[in-house]
C-alpha atoms as a PDB file:
ATOM      1  CA  UNK A   1       8.107   7.657  -2.705  1.00  0.00           C
ATOM      2  CA  UNK A   2       7.556   9.200  -5.598  1.00  0.00           C
ATOM      3  CA  UNK A   3       7.619   7.519  -8.940  1.00  0.00           C
ATOM      4  CA  UNK A   4       8.852  10.068 -11.920  1.00  0.00           C
ATOM      5  CA  UNK A   5       9.146   9.321 -15.379  1.00  0.00           C
ATOM      6  CA  UNK A   6      11.548  10.602 -17.968  1.00  0.00           C
ATOM      7  CA  UNK A   7       9.132  11.056 -21.246  1.00  0.00           C
ATOM      8  CA  UNK A   8      11.535  10.292 -24.576  1.00  0.00           C
ATOM      9  CA  UNK A   9       9.450  10.105 -28.231  1.00  0.00           C
ATOM     10  CA  UNK A  10      10.962   7.433 -30.612  1.00  0.00           C
ATOM     11  CA  UNK A  11       9.501   8.630 -33.941  1.00  0.00           C
ATOM     12  CA  UNK A  12      10.620  10.633 -36.232  1.00  0.00           C
ATOM     13  CA  UNK A  13      11.539  14.215 -35.120  1.00  0.00           C
ATOM     14  CA  UNK A  14      12.179  13.031 -31.853  1.00  0.00           C
ATOM     15  CA  UNK A  15      15.714  14.502 -31.904  1.00  0.00           C
ATOM     16  CA  UNK A  16      13.997  18.030 -31.667  1.00  0.00           C
ATOM     17  CA  UNK A  17      12.046  17.278 -28.576  1.00  0.00           C
ATOM     18  CA  UNK A  18      14.373  14.633 -26.564  1.00  0.00           C
ATOM     19  CA  UNK A  19      17.239  15.608 -24.680  1.00  0.00           C
ATOM     20  CA  UNK A  20      18.004  12.228 -24.173  1.00  0.00           C
ATOM     21  CA  UNK A  21      19.580  11.846 -20.590  1.00  0.00           C
ATOM     22  CA  UNK A  22      20.285  15.675 -20.357  1.00  0.00           C
ATOM     23  CA  UNK A  23      18.173  16.696 -17.026  1.00  0.00           C
ATOM     24  CA  UNK A  24      17.082  12.445 -16.519  1.00  0.00           C
ATOM     25  CA  UNK A  25      15.133  13.257 -12.640  1.00  0.00           C
ATOM     26  CA  UNK A  26      11.863  13.257 -14.590  1.00  0.00           C
ATOM     27  CA  UNK A  27       8.435  14.486 -13.728  1.00  0.00           C
ATOM     28  CA  UNK A  28       6.681  13.266 -10.894  1.00  0.00           C
ATOM     29  CA  UNK A  29       4.246  10.223 -12.104  1.00  0.00           C
ATOM     30  CA  UNK A  30       2.519   8.538  -9.106  1.00  0.00           C
ATOM     31  CA  UNK A  31       2.967   7.454  -5.723  1.00  0.00           C
ATOM     32  CA  UNK A  32       4.232   4.278  -3.951  1.00  0.00           C
ATOM     33  CA  UNK A  33       5.077   2.701  -0.618  1.00  0.00           C
ATOM     34  CA  UNK A  34       7.729   0.416   0.309  1.00  0.00           C
ATOM     35  CA  UNK A  35       6.710  -2.200   2.663  1.00  0.00           C
ATOM     36  CA  UNK A  36       8.647  -4.716   3.918  1.00  0.00           C
ATOM     37  CA  UNK A  37       7.803  -8.601   4.619  1.00  0.00           C
ATOM     38  CA  UNK A  38       4.893  -9.138   7.418  1.00  0.00           C
ATOM     39  CA  UNK A  39       4.649  -5.765   7.810  1.00  0.00           C
ATOM     40  CA  UNK A  40       0.770  -4.753   9.044  1.00  0.00           C
ATOM     41  CA  UNK A  41      -0.727  -2.256   5.992  1.00  0.00           C
ATOM     42  CA  UNK A  42      -4.277  -1.878   7.341  1.00  0.00           C
ATOM     43  CA  UNK A  43      -5.590  -2.217  11.420  1.00  0.00           C
ATOM     44  CA  UNK A  44      -9.206  -1.920  11.900  1.00  0.00           C
ATOM     45  CA  UNK A  45     -10.506  -1.611  15.465  1.00  0.00           C
ATOM     46  CA  UNK A  46     -14.460  -2.529  16.036  1.00  0.00           C
ATOM     47  CA  UNK A  47     -16.354  -4.120  18.447  1.00  0.00           C
ATOM     48  CA  UNK A  48     -16.865  -7.735  19.011  1.00  0.00           C
ATOM     49  CA  UNK A  49     -20.095  -8.499  17.109  1.00  0.00           C
ATOM     50  CA  UNK A  50     -18.504  -6.794  14.211  1.00  0.00           C
ATOM     51  CA  UNK A  51     -15.654  -8.510  13.869  1.00  0.00           C
ATOM     52  CA  UNK A  52     -16.826 -11.070  11.061  1.00  0.00           C
ATOM     53  CA  UNK A  53     -18.019  -7.996   8.930  1.00  0.00           C
ATOM     54  CA  UNK A  54     -14.608  -6.227   9.184  1.00  0.00           C
ATOM     55  CA  UNK A  55     -12.642  -9.375   8.277  1.00  0.00           C
ATOM     56  CA  UNK A  56     -14.523  -9.932   5.407  1.00  0.00           C
ATOM     57  CA  UNK A  57     -13.901  -6.496   4.213  1.00  0.00           C
ATOM     58  CA  UNK A  58     -10.506  -6.280   4.585  1.00  0.00           C
ATOM     59  CA  UNK A  59     -10.907 -10.018   2.367  1.00  0.00           C
ATOM     60  CA  UNK A  60     -11.940  -7.558  -0.260  1.00  0.00           C
ATOM     61  CA  UNK A  61      -9.638  -5.500   0.445  1.00  0.00           C
ATOM     62  CA  UNK A  62      -6.384  -7.004  -0.110  1.00  0.00           C
ATOM     63  CA  UNK A  63      -7.247  -7.846  -3.543  1.00  0.00           C
ATOM     64  CA  UNK A  64      -6.613  -4.450  -4.120  1.00  0.00           C
ATOM     65  CA  UNK A  65      -3.141  -4.600  -3.606  1.00  0.00           C
ATOM     66  CA  UNK A  66      -0.244  -6.183  -5.295  1.00  0.00           C
ATOM     67  CA  UNK A  67       1.497  -9.404  -3.477  1.00  0.00           C
ATOM     68  CA  UNK A  68       0.079 -11.854  -1.115  1.00  0.00           C
ATOM     69  CA  UNK A  69      -1.855 -10.551   1.958  1.00  0.00           C
ATOM     70  CA  UNK A  70      -3.064 -12.181   5.546  1.00  0.00           C
ATOM     71  CA  UNK A  71      -5.917 -11.300   7.221  1.00  0.00           C
ATOM     72  CA  UNK A  72      -5.269 -11.580  11.240  1.00  0.00           C
ATOM     73  CA  UNK A  73      -7.509 -11.229  13.985  1.00  0.00           C
ATOM     74  CA  UNK A  74      -5.513  -9.853  17.050  1.00  0.00           C
ATOM     75  CA  UNK A  75      -6.572 -11.183  20.543  1.00  0.00           C
ATOM     76  CA  UNK A  76      -5.648  -8.212  21.968  1.00  0.00           C
ATOM     77  CA  UNK A  77      -7.899  -5.445  23.278  1.00  0.00           C
ATOM     78  CA  UNK A  78      -7.971  -2.611  20.631  1.00  0.00           C
ATOM     79  CA  UNK A  79      -4.457  -1.404  19.419  1.00  0.00           C
ATOM     80  CA  UNK A  80      -3.121  -1.921  23.304  1.00  0.00           C
ATOM     81  CA  UNK A  81      -0.834  -4.665  24.271  1.00  0.00           C
ATOM     82  CA  UNK A  82      -2.934  -6.221  26.855  1.00  0.00           C
ATOM     83  CA  UNK A  83      -5.193  -9.359  25.646  1.00  0.00           C
ATOM     84  CA  UNK A  84      -8.713  -9.126  25.990  1.00  0.00           C
ATOM     85  CA  UNK A  85      -9.201 -11.460  29.001  1.00  0.00           C
ATOM     86  CA  UNK A  86      -6.780  -9.546  30.804  1.00  0.00           C
ATOM     87  CA  UNK A  87      -8.492  -6.096  30.151  1.00  0.00           C
ATOM     88  CA  UNK A  88     -11.856  -7.604  31.341  1.00  0.00           C
END
């Protein structure tokens, strides 16, 4: 989603610069993602011996997001629906 802003001035002489709510669609201000509860934000596929390093990297990255996140280490093989035991 694109966040938009309708700039208005509230100081003296603002009536010459501001148009109020006429044409108030706004200019692009930034972007945001709409995320549902329980939705996966980041997935990493790594070797078995690097799992602790990847989990620590995700733990540090979760502070960059607003709200509360969990780091979950899956027992699936890569991004497949098969477990690691079934694959071997």
